[in-house]
Amino acid sequence: MRDADKEILLSMVGIVIIEEGYWYEIDSKAVAVTPARPHGLKYALTLHDPNGYACIA
């Protein structure tokens, strides 16, 4: 992964409204490089329904 790609992912933290109350949340942060995280990134993307339930995590 290029450094520029890492910076883009790290800058995408936050909540974005999609439609009809559904929204997604992006969480990403730089972490130590390990065999489990060879690019030094920890990230998650979750899709939530209007009640806040995580439909896809």
PDB file of N, CA and C in Angstrom:
ATOM      1  N   MET A   1       0.855  -1.175   0.000  1.00  0.00           N
ATOM      2  CA  MET A   1       0.000   0.000   0.000  1.00  0.00           C
ATOM      3  C   MET A   1       0.898   1.235   0.000  1.00  0.00           C
ATOM      4  N   ARG A   2       0.586   2.158  -0.878  1.00  0.00           N
ATOM      5  CA  ARG A   2       1.364   3.398  -0.952  1.00  0.00           C
ATOM      6  C   ARG A   2       1.022   4.314   0.212  1.00  0.00           C
ATOM      7  N   ASP A   3       1.991   5.169   0.596  1.00  0.00           N
ATOM      8  CA  ASP A   3       1.754   6.119   1.685  1.00  0.00           C
ATOM      9  C   ASP A   3       0.573   7.037   1.389  1.00  0.00           C
ATOM     10  N   ALA A   4       0.425   7.435   0.124  1.00  0.00           N
ATOM     11  CA  ALA A   4      -0.695   8.308  -0.243  1.00  0.00           C
ATOM     12  C   ALA A   4      -2.025   7.599  -0.006  1.00  0.00           C
ATOM     13  N   ASP A   5      -2.085   6.307  -0.287  1.00  0.00           N
ATOM     14  CA  ASP A   5      -3.309   5.534  -0.041  1.00  0.00           C
ATOM     15  C   ASP A   5      -3.609   5.452   1.452  1.00  0.00           C
ATOM     16  N   LYS A   6      -2.575   5.272   2.262  1.00  0.00           N
ATOM     17  CA  LYS A   6      -2.763   5.241   3.709  1.00  0.00           C
ATOM     18  C   LYS A   6      -3.321   6.567   4.206  1.00  0.00           C
ATOM     19  N   GLU A   7      -2.789   7.661   3.705  1.00  0.00           N
ATOM     20  CA  GLU A   7      -3.250   8.983   4.135  1.00  0.00           C
ATOM     21  C   GLU A   7      -4.711   9.208   3.777  1.00  0.00           C
ATOM     22  N   ILE A   8      -5.122   8.725   2.619  1.00  0.00           N
ATOM     23  CA  ILE A   8      -6.529   8.853   2.219  1.00  0.00           C
ATOM     24  C   ILE A   8      -7.413   8.091   3.196  1.00  0.00           C
ATOM     25  N   LEU A   9      -7.050   6.847   3.509  1.00  0.00           N
ATOM     26  CA  LEU A   9      -7.851   6.054   4.441  1.00  0.00           C
ATOM     27  C   LEU A   9      -7.889   6.707   5.821  1.00  0.00           C
ATOM     28  N   LEU A  10      -6.761   7.213   6.284  1.00  0.00           N
ATOM     29  CA  LEU A  10      -6.715   7.847   7.594  1.00  0.00           C
ATOM     30  C   LEU A  10      -7.531   9.136   7.642  1.00  0.00           C
ATOM     31  N   SER A  11      -7.693   9.798   6.510  1.00  0.00           N
ATOM     32  CA  SER A  11      -8.458  11.050   6.480  1.00  0.00           C
ATOM     33  C   SER A  11      -9.967  10.837   6.374  1.00  0.00           C
ATOM     34  N   MET A  12     -10.410   9.609   6.178  1.00  0.00           N
ATOM     35  CA  MET A  12     -11.830   9.322   5.944  1.00  0.00           C
ATOM     36  C   MET A  12     -12.609   9.011   7.219  1.00  0.00           C
ATOM     37  N   VAL A  13     -12.062   9.302   8.379  1.00  0.00           N
ATOM     38  CA  VAL A  13     -12.734   8.999   9.648  1.00  0.00           C
ATOM     39  C   VAL A  13     -13.969   9.883   9.793  1.00  0.00           C
ATOM     40  N   GLY A  14     -15.091   9.292  10.175  1.00  0.00           N
ATOM     41  CA  GLY A  14     -16.299  10.073  10.406  1.00  0.00           C
ATOM     42  C   GLY A  14     -17.557   9.344  10.009  1.00  0.00           C
ATOM     43  N   ILE A  15     -18.654  10.052  10.089  1.00  0.00           N
ATOM     44  CA  ILE A  15     -19.968   9.509   9.765  1.00  0.00           C
ATOM     45  C   ILE A  15     -20.518  10.244   8.555  1.00  0.00           C
ATOM     46  N   VAL A  16     -21.107   9.498   7.632  1.00  0.00           N
ATOM     47  CA  VAL A  16     -21.704  10.085   6.442  1.00  0.00           C
ATOM     48  C   VAL A  16     -23.131   9.566   6.307  1.00  0.00           C
ATOM     49  N   ILE A  17     -24.094  10.467   6.138  1.00  0.00           N
ATOM     50  CA  ILE A  17     -25.490  10.075   5.921  1.00  0.00           C
ATOM     51  C   ILE A  17     -25.627   9.577   4.483  1.00  0.00           C
ATOM     52  N   ILE A  18     -26.309   8.479   4.300  1.00  0.00           N
ATOM     53  CA  ILE A  18     -26.517   7.957   2.952  1.00  0.00           C
ATOM     54  C   ILE A  18     -27.914   8.357   2.480  1.00  0.00           C
ATOM     55  N   GLU A  19     -28.931   7.596   2.841  1.00  0.00           N
ATOM     56  CA  GLU A  19     -30.312   7.869   2.448  1.00  0.00           C
ATOM     57  C   GLU A  19     -31.254   7.283   3.471  1.00  0.00           C
ATOM     58  N   GLU A  20     -32.400   7.896   3.602  1.00  0.00           N
ATOM     59  CA  GLU A  20     -33.488   7.372   4.422  1.00  0.00           C
ATOM     60  C   GLU A  20     -33.025   6.956   5.815  1.00  0.00           C
ATOM     61  N   GLY A  21     -32.091   7.699   6.387  1.00  0.00           N
ATOM     62  CA  GLY A  21     -31.642   7.432   7.736  1.00  0.00           C
ATOM     63  C   GLY A  21     -30.503   6.442   7.875  1.00  0.00           C
ATOM     64  N   TYR A  22     -30.151   5.727   6.821  1.00  0.00           N
ATOM     65  CA  TYR A  22     -29.028   4.802   6.871  1.00  0.00           C
ATOM     66  C   TYR A  22     -27.735   5.593   6.789  1.00  0.00           C
ATOM     67  N   TRP A  23     -26.723   5.158   7.521  1.00  0.00           N
ATOM     68  CA  TRP A  23     -25.456   5.868   7.520  1.00  0.00           C
ATOM     69  C   TRP A  23     -24.314   4.877   7.717  1.00  0.00           C
ATOM     70  N   TYR A  24     -23.131   5.303   7.315  1.00  0.00           N
ATOM     71  CA  TYR A  24     -21.975   4.453   7.547  1.00  0.00           C
ATOM     72  C   TYR A  24     -20.928   5.221   8.326  1.00  0.00           C
ATOM     73  N   GLU A  25     -20.104   4.459   9.030  1.00  0.00           N
ATOM     74  CA  GLU A  25     -19.054   5.047   9.849  1.00  0.00           C
ATOM     75  C   GLU A  25     -17.723   4.420   9.453  1.00  0.00           C
ATOM     76  N   ILE A  26     -16.723   5.255   9.269  1.00  0.00           N
ATOM     77  CA  ILE A  26     -15.376   4.800   8.961  1.00  0.00           C
ATOM     78  C   ILE A  26     -14.482   5.164  10.135  1.00  0.00           C
ATOM     79  N   ASP A  27     -13.736   4.186  10.606  1.00  0.00           N
ATOM     80  CA  ASP A  27     -12.765   4.421  11.675  1.00  0.00           C
ATOM     81  C   ASP A  27     -11.433   3.865  11.194  1.00  0.00           C
ATOM     82  N   SER A  28     -10.400   4.655  11.234  1.00  0.00           N
ATOM     83  CA  SER A  28      -9.076   4.184  10.845  1.00  0.00           C
ATOM     84  C   SER A  28      -8.020   4.916  11.645  1.00  0.00           C
ATOM     85  N   LYS A  29      -6.944   4.198  11.937  1.00  0.00           N
ATOM     86  CA  LYS A  29      -5.830   4.832  12.637  1.00  0.00           C
ATOM     87  C   LYS A  29      -4.548   4.079  12.334  1.00  0.00           C
ATOM     88  N   ALA A  30      -3.445   4.786  12.443  1.00  0.00           N
ATOM     89  CA  ALA A  30      -2.132   4.191  12.240  1.00  0.00           C
ATOM     90  C   ALA A  30      -1.750   3.432  13.509  1.00  0.00           C
ATOM     91  N   VAL A  31      -1.218   2.233  13.329  1.00  0.00           N
ATOM     92  CA  VAL A  31      -0.761   1.396  14.436  1.00  0.00           C
ATOM     93  C   VAL A  31       0.611   0.833  14.075  1.00  0.00           C
ATOM     94  N   ALA A  32       1.229   0.161  15.011  1.00  0.00           N
ATOM     95  CA  ALA A  32       2.525  -0.462  14.754  1.00  0.00           C
ATOM     96  C   ALA A  32       2.390  -1.546  13.688  1.00  0.00           C
ATOM     97  N   VAL A  33       3.395  -1.679  12.869  1.00  0.00           N
ATOM     98  CA  VAL A  33       3.424  -2.737  11.853  1.00  0.00           C
ATOM     99  C   VAL A  33       3.658  -4.070  12.553  1.00  0.00           C
ATOM    100  N   THR A  34       2.782  -5.032  12.265  1.00  0.00           N
ATOM    101  CA  THR A  34       2.891  -6.383  12.821  1.00  0.00           C
ATOM    102  C   THR A  34       2.565  -7.367  11.703  1.00  0.00           C
ATOM    103  N   PRO A  35       2.824  -8.659  11.906  1.00  0.00           N
ATOM    104  CA  PRO A  35       2.419  -9.630  10.878  1.00  0.00           C
ATOM    105  C   PRO A  35       0.920  -9.588  10.586  1.00  0.00           C
ATOM    106  N   ALA A  36       0.115  -9.289  11.606  1.00  0.00           N
ATOM    107  CA  ALA A  36      -1.341  -9.215  11.418  1.00  0.00           C
ATOM    108  C   ALA A  36      -1.769  -7.922  10.726  1.00  0.00           C
ATOM    109  N   ARG A  37      -0.963  -6.860  10.854  1.00  0.00           N
ATOM    110  CA  ARG A  37      -1.258  -5.556  10.242  1.00  0.00           C
ATOM    111  C   ARG A  37      -0.007  -5.064   9.516  1.00  0.00           C
ATOM    112  N   PRO A  38       0.325  -5.716   8.407  1.00  0.00           N
ATOM    113  CA  PRO A  38       1.584  -5.401   7.721  1.00  0.00           C
ATOM    114  C   PRO A  38       1.661  -3.986   7.149  1.00  0.00           C
ATOM    115  N   HIS A  39       0.526  -3.323   6.987  1.00  0.00           N
ATOM    116  CA  HIS A  39       0.538  -1.958   6.460  1.00  0.00           C
ATOM    117  C   HIS A  39       0.481  -0.916   7.567  1.00  0.00           C
ATOM    118  N   GLY A  40       0.377  -1.367   8.824  1.00  0.00           N
ATOM    119  CA  GLY A  40       0.357  -0.439   9.944  1.00  0.00           C
ATOM    120  C   GLY A  40      -0.928   0.354  10.054  1.00  0.00           C
ATOM    121  N   LEU A  41      -2.050  -0.255   9.652  1.00  0.00           N
ATOM    122  CA  LEU A  41      -3.350   0.409   9.725  1.00  0.00           C
ATOM    123  C   LEU A  41      -4.355  -0.486  10.440  1.00  0.00           C
ATOM    124  N   LYS A  42      -5.216   0.138  11.227  1.00  0.00           N
ATOM    125  CA  LYS A  42      -6.369  -0.540  11.816  1.00  0.00           C
ATOM    126  C   LYS A  42      -7.586   0.228  11.338  1.00  0.00           C
ATOM    127  N   TYR A  43      -8.539  -0.467  10.732  1.00  0.00           N
ATOM    128  CA  TYR A  43      -9.691   0.240  10.178  1.00  0.00           C
ATOM    129  C   TYR A  43     -10.953  -0.604  10.263  1.00  0.00           C
ATOM    130  N   ALA A  44     -12.082   0.079  10.232  1.00  0.00           N
ATOM    131  CA  ALA A  44     -13.380  -0.582  10.262  1.00  0.00           C
ATOM    132  C   ALA A  44     -14.378   0.257   9.476  1.00  0.00           C
ATOM    133  N   LEU A  45     -15.302  -0.416   8.823  1.00  0.00           N
ATOM    134  CA  LEU A  45     -16.392   0.226   8.094  1.00  0.00           C
ATOM    135  C   LEU A  45     -17.671  -0.457   8.537  1.00  0.00           C
ATOM    136  N   THR A  46     -18.638   0.314   9.036  1.00  0.00           N
ATOM    137  CA  THR A  46     -19.914  -0.253   9.466  1.00  0.00           C
ATOM    138  C   THR A  46     -21.071   0.515   8.840  1.00  0.00           C
ATOM    139  N   LEU A  47     -22.112  -0.221   8.453  1.00  0.00           N
ATOM    140  CA  LEU A  47     -23.339   0.355   7.912  1.00  0.00           C
ATOM    141  C   LEU A  47     -24.408   0.226   8.981  1.00  0.00           C
ATOM    142  N   HIS A  48     -25.105   1.332   9.280  1.00  0.00           N
ATOM    143  CA  HIS A  48     -26.109   1.359  10.346  1.00  0.00           C
ATOM    144  C   HIS A  48     -27.481   1.715   9.775  1.00  0.00           C
ATOM    145  N   ASP A  49     -28.522   1.129  10.387  1.00  0.00           N
ATOM    146  CA  ASP A  49     -29.885   1.475   9.985  1.00  0.00           C
ATOM    147  C   ASP A  49     -30.327   2.730  10.746  1.00  0.00           C
ATOM    148  N   PRO A  50     -31.520   3.251  10.458  1.00  0.00           N
ATOM    149  CA  PRO A  50     -31.979   4.483  11.123  1.00  0.00           C
ATOM    150  C   PRO A  50     -32.033   4.403  12.649  1.00  0.00           C
ATOM    151  N   ASN A  51     -32.118   3.183  13.216  1.00  0.00           N
ATOM    152  CA  ASN A  51     -32.150   3.005  14.672  1.00  0.00           C
ATOM    153  C   ASN A  51     -30.757   2.846  15.279  1.00  0.00           C
ATOM    154  N   GLY A  52     -29.728   2.878  14.447  1.00  0.00           N
ATOM    155  CA  GLY A  52     -28.366   2.754  14.940  1.00  0.00           C
ATOM    156  C   GLY A  52     -27.833   1.336  14.950  1.00  0.00           C
ATOM    157  N   TYR A  53     -28.652   0.349  14.542  1.00  0.00           N
ATOM    158  CA  TYR A  53     -28.210  -1.028  14.497  1.00  0.00           C
ATOM    159  C   TYR A  53     -27.181  -1.215  13.380  1.00  0.00           C
ATOM    160  N   ALA A  54     -26.076  -1.863  13.680  1.00  0.00           N
ATOM    161  CA  ALA A  54     -25.047  -2.118  12.670  1.00  0.00           C
ATOM    162  C   ALA A  54     -25.499  -3.267  11.783  1.00  0.00           C
ATOM    163  N   CYS A  55     -25.913  -2.951  10.559  1.00  0.00           N
ATOM    164  CA  CYS A  55     -26.386  -3.957   9.599  1.00  0.00           C
ATOM    165  C   CYS A  55     -25.220  -4.759   9.049  1.00  0.00           C
ATOM    166  N   ILE A  56     -24.141  -4.090   8.771  1.00  0.00           N
ATOM    167  CA  ILE A  56     -22.937  -4.708   8.234  1.00  0.00           C
ATOM    168  C   ILE A  56     -21.767  -4.154   9.027  1.00  0.00           C
ATOM    169  N   ALA A  57     -20.990  -5.039   9.609  1.00  0.00           N
ATOM    170  CA  ALA A  57     -19.829  -4.615  10.385  1.00  0.00           C
ATOM    171  C   ALA A  57     -18.622  -5.448  10.039  1.00  0.00           C
TER     172      ALA A  57
END
